[in-house]
PDB file of all heavy atoms in Angstrom:
ATOM      1  N   SER A   1       0.814  -1.213   0.000  1.00  0.00           N
ATOM      2  CA  SER A   1       0.000   0.000   0.000  1.00  0.00           C
ATOM      3  C   SER A   1       0.851   1.268   0.000  1.00  0.00           C
ATOM      4  O   SER A   1       0.305   2.375  -0.007  1.00  0.00           O
ATOM      5  CB  SER A   1      -0.926   0.020   1.215  1.00  0.00           C
ATOM      6  OG  SER A   1      -1.833  -1.068   1.187  1.00  0.00           O
ATOM      7  N   ASN A   2       2.155   1.102  -0.002  1.00  0.00           N
ATOM      8  CA  ASN A   2       3.067   2.230   0.113  1.00  0.00           C
ATOM      9  C   ASN A   2       4.203   2.124  -0.897  1.00  0.00           C
ATOM     10  O   ASN A   2       4.450   1.058  -1.459  1.00  0.00           O
ATOM     11  CB  ASN A   2       3.654   2.296   1.521  1.00  0.00           C
ATOM     12  CG  ASN A   2       2.598   2.415   2.590  1.00  0.00           C
ATOM     13  OD1 ASN A   2       2.066   3.501   2.817  1.00  0.00           O
ATOM     14  ND2 ASN A   2       2.284   1.302   3.249  1.00  0.00           N
ATOM     15  N   THR A   3       4.873   3.241  -1.111  1.00  0.00           N
ATOM     16  CA  THR A   3       6.079   3.229  -1.913  1.00  0.00           C
ATOM     17  C   THR A   3       7.226   2.680  -1.072  1.00  0.00           C
ATOM     18  O   THR A   3       7.480   3.156   0.033  1.00  0.00           O
ATOM     19  CB  THR A   3       6.413   4.639  -2.417  1.00  0.00           C
ATOM     20  OG1 THR A   3       5.381   5.080  -3.298  1.00  0.00           O
ATOM     21  CG2 THR A   3       7.734   4.635  -3.165  1.00  0.00           C
ATOM     22  N   MET A   4       7.914   1.674  -1.600  1.00  0.00           N
ATOM     23  CA  MET A   4       9.030   1.045  -0.919  1.00  0.00           C
ATOM     24  C   MET A   4      10.288   1.229  -1.759  1.00  0.00           C
ATOM     25  O   MET A   4      10.221   1.337  -2.986  1.00  0.00           O
ATOM     26  CB  MET A   4       8.777  -0.444  -0.709  1.00  0.00           C
ATOM     27  CG  MET A   4       7.481  -0.770   0.017  1.00  0.00           C
ATOM     28  SD  MET A   4       7.515  -0.285   1.770  1.00  0.00           S
ATOM     29  CE  MET A   4       8.783  -1.392   2.389  1.00  0.00           C
ATOM     30  N   GLY A   5      11.425   1.238  -1.094  1.00  0.00           N
ATOM     31  CA  GLY A   5      12.661   1.413  -1.831  1.00  0.00           C
ATOM     32  C   GLY A   5      13.863   0.827  -1.134  1.00  0.00           C
ATOM     33  O   GLY A   5      13.822   0.493   0.055  1.00  0.00           O
ATOM     34  N   TRP A   6      14.916   0.680  -1.910  1.00  0.00           N
ATOM     35  CA  TRP A   6      16.222   0.286  -1.398  1.00  0.00           C
ATOM     36  C   TRP A   6      17.202   1.422  -1.644  1.00  0.00           C
ATOM     37  O   TRP A   6      17.291   1.951  -2.756  1.00  0.00           O
ATOM     38  CB  TRP A   6      16.730  -0.987  -2.075  1.00  0.00           C
ATOM     39  CG  TRP A   6      16.023  -2.232  -1.644  1.00  0.00           C
ATOM     40  CD1 TRP A   6      14.974  -2.842  -2.250  1.00  0.00           C
ATOM     41  CD2 TRP A   6      16.342  -3.026  -0.495  1.00  0.00           C
ATOM     42  NE1 TRP A   6      14.607  -3.966  -1.562  1.00  0.00           N
ATOM     43  CE2 TRP A   6      15.426  -4.113  -0.473  1.00  0.00           C
ATOM     44  CE3 TRP A   6      17.295  -2.934   0.510  1.00  0.00           C
ATOM     45  CZ2 TRP A   6      15.446  -5.094   0.514  1.00  0.00           C
ATOM     46  CZ3 TRP A   6      17.318  -3.906   1.500  1.00  0.00           C
ATOM     47  CH2 TRP A   6      16.398  -4.960   1.493  1.00  0.00           C
ATOM     48  N   TYR A   7      17.919   1.791  -0.604  1.00  0.00           N
ATOM     49  CA  TYR A   7      18.981   2.782  -0.677  1.00  0.00           C
ATOM     50  C   TYR A   7      20.287   2.123  -0.256  1.00  0.00           C
ATOM     51  O   TYR A   7      20.290   1.070   0.381  1.00  0.00           O
ATOM     52  CB  TYR A   7      18.691   3.966   0.248  1.00  0.00           C
ATOM     53  CG  TYR A   7      17.537   4.849  -0.184  1.00  0.00           C
ATOM     54  CD1 TYR A   7      16.220   4.410  -0.086  1.00  0.00           C
ATOM     55  CD2 TYR A   7      17.769   6.130  -0.677  1.00  0.00           C
ATOM     56  CE1 TYR A   7      15.162   5.217  -0.472  1.00  0.00           C
ATOM     57  CE2 TYR A   7      16.712   6.951  -1.061  1.00  0.00           C
ATOM     58  CZ  TYR A   7      15.416   6.480  -0.953  1.00  0.00           C
ATOM     59  OH  TYR A   7      14.374   7.295  -1.338  1.00  0.00           O
ATOM     60  N   ARG A   8      21.390   2.749  -0.599  1.00  0.00           N
ATOM     61  CA  ARG A   8      22.679   2.245  -0.149  1.00  0.00           C
ATOM     62  C   ARG A   8      23.599   3.405   0.191  1.00  0.00           C
ATOM     63  O   ARG A   8      23.457   4.510  -0.324  1.00  0.00           O
ATOM     64  CB  ARG A   8      23.329   1.341  -1.195  1.00  0.00           C
ATOM     65  CG  ARG A   8      23.772   2.049  -2.468  1.00  0.00           C
ATOM     66  CD  ARG A   8      24.274   1.042  -3.489  1.00  0.00           C
ATOM     67  NE  ARG A   8      24.714   1.677  -4.716  1.00  0.00           N
ATOM     68  CZ  ARG A   8      25.041   1.025  -5.825  1.00  0.00           C
ATOM     69  NH1 ARG A   8      24.972  -0.317  -5.850  1.00  0.00           N
ATOM     70  NH2 ARG A   8      25.448   1.680  -6.901  1.00  0.00           N
ATOM     71  N   GLN A   9      24.540   3.123   1.076  1.00  0.00           N
ATOM     72  CA  GLN A   9      25.517   4.116   1.480  1.00  0.00           C
ATOM     73  C   GLN A   9      26.882   3.451   1.610  1.00  0.00           C
ATOM     74  O   GLN A   9      27.065   2.540   2.413  1.00  0.00           O
ATOM     75  CB  GLN A   9      25.124   4.778   2.800  1.00  0.00           C
ATOM     76  CG  GLN A   9      26.026   5.932   3.192  1.00  0.00           C
ATOM     77  CD  GLN A   9      25.445   6.766   4.319  1.00  0.00           C
ATOM     78  OE1 GLN A   9      24.586   6.305   5.066  1.00  0.00           O
ATOM     79  NE2 GLN A   9      25.908   7.991   4.440  1.00  0.00           N
ATOM     80  N   ALA A  10      27.821   3.915   0.806  1.00  0.00           N
ATOM     81  CA  ALA A  10      29.189   3.434   0.848  1.00  0.00           C
ATOM     82  C   ALA A  10      30.015   4.362   1.735  1.00  0.00           C
ATOM     83  O   ALA A  10      29.652   5.529   1.937  1.00  0.00           O
ATOM     84  CB  ALA A  10      29.780   3.380  -0.552  1.00  0.00           C
ATOM     85  N   PRO A  11      31.140   3.873   2.274  1.00  0.00           N
ATOM     86  CA  PRO A  11      31.980   4.721   3.126  1.00  0.00           C
ATOM     87  C   PRO A  11      32.375   6.011   2.423  1.00  0.00           C
ATOM     88  O   PRO A  11      32.834   5.995   1.281  1.00  0.00           O
ATOM     89  CB  PRO A  11      33.198   3.834   3.397  1.00  0.00           C
ATOM     90  CG  PRO A  11      32.670   2.438   3.293  1.00  0.00           C
ATOM     91  CD  PRO A  11      31.667   2.503   2.182  1.00  0.00           C
ATOM     92  N   GLY A  12      32.189   7.136   3.105  1.00  0.00           N
ATOM     93  CA  GLY A  12      32.561   8.426   2.558  1.00  0.00           C
ATOM     94  C   GLY A  12      31.605   8.991   1.529  1.00  0.00           C
ATOM     95  O   GLY A  12      31.885  10.049   0.955  1.00  0.00           O
ATOM     96  N   LYS A  13      30.496   8.321   1.276  1.00  0.00           N
ATOM     97  CA  LYS A  13      29.534   8.782   0.285  1.00  0.00           C
ATOM     98  C   LYS A  13      28.159   8.985   0.912  1.00  0.00           C
ATOM     99  O   LYS A  13      27.856   8.448   1.971  1.00  0.00           O
ATOM    100  CB  LYS A  13      29.430   7.786  -0.870  1.00  0.00           C
ATOM    101  CG  LYS A  13      30.715   7.595  -1.654  1.00  0.00           C
ATOM    102  CD  LYS A  13      30.514   6.651  -2.821  1.00  0.00           C
ATOM    103  CE  LYS A  13      31.784   6.482  -3.626  1.00  0.00           C
ATOM    104  NZ  LYS A  13      31.581   5.545  -4.765  1.00  0.00           N
ATOM    105  N   GLN A  14      27.326   9.771   0.222  1.00  0.00           N
ATOM    106  CA  GLN A  14      25.964  10.005   0.682  1.00  0.00           C
ATOM    107  C   GLN A  14      25.073   8.817   0.337  1.00  0.00           C
ATOM    108  O   GLN A  14      25.348   8.066  -0.594  1.00  0.00           O
ATOM    109  CB  GLN A  14      25.397  11.278   0.054  1.00  0.00           C
ATOM    110  CG  GLN A  14      26.100  12.557   0.482  1.00  0.00           C
ATOM    111  CD  GLN A  14      25.419  13.792  -0.071  1.00  0.00           C
ATOM    112  OE1 GLN A  14      24.716  13.738  -1.077  1.00  0.00           O
ATOM    113  NE2 GLN A  14      25.631  14.915   0.593  1.00  0.00           N
ATOM    114  N   ARG A  15      24.010   8.668   1.107  1.00  0.00           N
ATOM    115  CA  ARG A  15      23.046   7.621   0.825  1.00  0.00           C
ATOM    116  C   ARG A  15      22.338   7.925  -0.496  1.00  0.00           C
ATOM    117  O   ARG A  15      21.937   9.059  -0.753  1.00  0.00           O
ATOM    118  CB  ARG A  15      22.032   7.521   1.965  1.00  0.00           C
ATOM    119  CG  ARG A  15      21.080   6.343   1.853  1.00  0.00           C
ATOM    120  CD  ARG A  15      20.209   6.217   3.098  1.00  0.00           C
ATOM    121  NE  ARG A  15      21.013   5.980   4.294  1.00  0.00           N
ATOM    122  CZ  ARG A  15      20.506   5.742   5.496  1.00  0.00           C
ATOM    123  NH1 ARG A  15      19.196   5.700   5.664  1.00  0.00           N
ATOM    124  NH2 ARG A  15      21.306   5.547   6.534  1.00  0.00           N
ATOM    125  N   GLU A  16      22.195   6.904  -1.340  1.00  0.00           N
ATOM    126  CA  GLU A  16      21.580   7.082  -2.638  1.00  0.00           C
ATOM    127  C   GLU A  16      20.481   6.058  -2.878  1.00  0.00           C
ATOM    128  O   GLU A  16      20.535   4.934  -2.375  1.00  0.00           O
ATOM    129  CB  GLU A  16      22.624   6.971  -3.756  1.00  0.00           C
ATOM    130  CG  GLU A  16      23.276   5.597  -3.855  1.00  0.00           C
ATOM    131  CD  GLU A  16      24.210   5.458  -5.042  1.00  0.00           C
ATOM    132  OE1 GLU A  16      24.149   6.307  -5.960  1.00  0.00           O
ATOM    133  OE2 GLU A  16      25.007   4.499  -5.059  1.00  0.00           O
ATOM    134  N   LEU A  17      19.499   6.460  -3.661  1.00  0.00           N
ATOM    135  CA  LEU A  17      18.422   5.553  -4.044  1.00  0.00           C
ATOM    136  C   LEU A  17      18.937   4.539  -5.046  1.00  0.00           C
ATOM    137  O   LEU A  17      19.557   4.900  -6.044  1.00  0.00           O
ATOM    138  CB  LEU A  17      17.257   6.334  -4.643  1.00  0.00           C
ATOM    139  CG  LEU A  17      16.108   5.494  -5.217  1.00  0.00           C
ATOM    140  CD1 LEU A  17      15.373   4.759  -4.098  1.00  0.00           C
ATOM    141  CD2 LEU A  17      15.134   6.368  -5.999  1.00  0.00           C
ATOM    142  N   VAL A  18      18.669   3.273  -4.790  1.00  0.00           N
ATOM    143  CA  VAL A  18      19.041   2.193  -5.696  1.00  0.00           C
ATOM    144  C   VAL A  18      17.847   1.775  -6.549  1.00  0.00           C
ATOM    145  O   VAL A  18      17.945   1.662  -7.768  1.00  0.00           O
ATOM    146  CB  VAL A  18      19.588   0.980  -4.925  1.00  0.00           C
ATOM    147  CG1 VAL A  18      19.890  -0.178  -5.876  1.00  0.00           C
ATOM    148  CG2 VAL A  18      20.837   1.377  -4.140  1.00  0.00           C
ATOM    149  N   ALA A  19      16.716   1.518  -5.910  1.00  0.00           N
ATOM    150  CA  ALA A  19      15.516   1.077  -6.607  1.00  0.00           C
ATOM    151  C   ALA A  19      14.293   1.394  -5.771  1.00  0.00           C
ATOM    152  O   ALA A  19      14.352   1.396  -4.544  1.00  0.00           O
ATOM    153  CB  ALA A  19      15.579  -0.426  -6.903  1.00  0.00           C
ATOM    154  N   GLY A  20      13.173   1.660  -6.440  1.00  0.00           N
ATOM    155  CA  GLY A  20      11.924   1.933  -5.754  1.00  0.00           C
ATOM    156  C   GLY A  20      10.759   1.278  -6.464  1.00  0.00           C
ATOM    157  O   GLY A  20      10.824   0.994  -7.661  1.00  0.00           O
ATOM    158  N   ILE A  21       9.694   1.029  -5.717  1.00  0.00           N
ATOM    159  CA  ILE A  21       8.480   0.462  -6.283  1.00  0.00           C
ATOM    160  C   ILE A  21       7.280   1.116  -5.613  1.00  0.00           C
ATOM    161  O   ILE A  21       7.221   1.224  -4.389  1.00  0.00           O
ATOM    162  CB  ILE A  21       8.453  -1.076  -6.130  1.00  0.00           C
ATOM    163  CG1 ILE A  21       7.210  -1.668  -6.807  1.00  0.00           C
ATOM    164  CG2 ILE A  21       8.530  -1.489  -4.661  1.00  0.00           C
ATOM    165  CD1 ILE A  21       7.272  -3.184  -6.956  1.00  0.00           C
ATOM    166  N   THR A  22       6.326   1.591  -6.415  1.00  0.00           N
ATOM    167  CA  THR A  22       5.148   2.263  -5.883  1.00  0.00           C
ATOM    168  C   THR A  22       4.066   1.257  -5.539  1.00  0.00           C
ATOM    169  O   THR A  22       4.170   0.064  -5.823  1.00  0.00           O
ATOM    170  CB  THR A  22       4.587   3.276  -6.885  1.00  0.00           C
ATOM    171  OG1 THR A  22       3.982   2.574  -7.981  1.00  0.00           O
ATOM    172  CG2 THR A  22       5.678   4.192  -7.415  1.00  0.00           C
ATOM    173  N   SER A  23       2.981   1.756  -4.929  1.00  0.00           N
ATOM    174  CA  SER A  23       1.863   0.897  -4.562  1.00  0.00           C
ATOM    175  C   SER A  23       1.177   0.286  -5.776  1.00  0.00           C
ATOM    176  O   SER A  23       0.511  -0.747  -5.654  1.00  0.00           O
ATOM    177  CB  SER A  23       0.843   1.676  -3.731  1.00  0.00           C
ATOM    178  OG  SER A  23       0.307   2.764  -4.460  1.00  0.00           O
ATOM    179  N   THR A  24       1.348   0.910  -6.945  1.00  0.00           N
ATOM    180  CA  THR A  24       0.758   0.393  -8.173  1.00  0.00           C
ATOM    181  C   THR A  24       1.726  -0.459  -8.981  1.00  0.00           C
ATOM    182  O   THR A  24       1.383  -0.912 -10.073  1.00  0.00           O
ATOM    183  CB  THR A  24       0.228   1.535  -9.048  1.00  0.00           C
ATOM    184  OG1 THR A  24       1.274   2.450  -9.347  1.00  0.00           O
ATOM    185  CG2 THR A  24      -0.888   2.279  -8.328  1.00  0.00           C
ATOM    186  N   GLY A  25       2.932  -0.681  -8.463  1.00  0.00           N
ATOM    187  CA  GLY A  25       3.879  -1.553  -9.120  1.00  0.00           C
ATOM    188  C   GLY A  25       4.849  -0.880 -10.064  1.00  0.00           C
ATOM    189  O   GLY A  25       5.617  -1.568 -10.751  1.00  0.00           O
TER     190      GLY A  25
END
């Protein structure tokens, strides 16, 4: 029912969006 996502953060770097999926797919 919600937007879900995966983020990642490497040493010395900012957190970034890797992939996302909305409630409608």
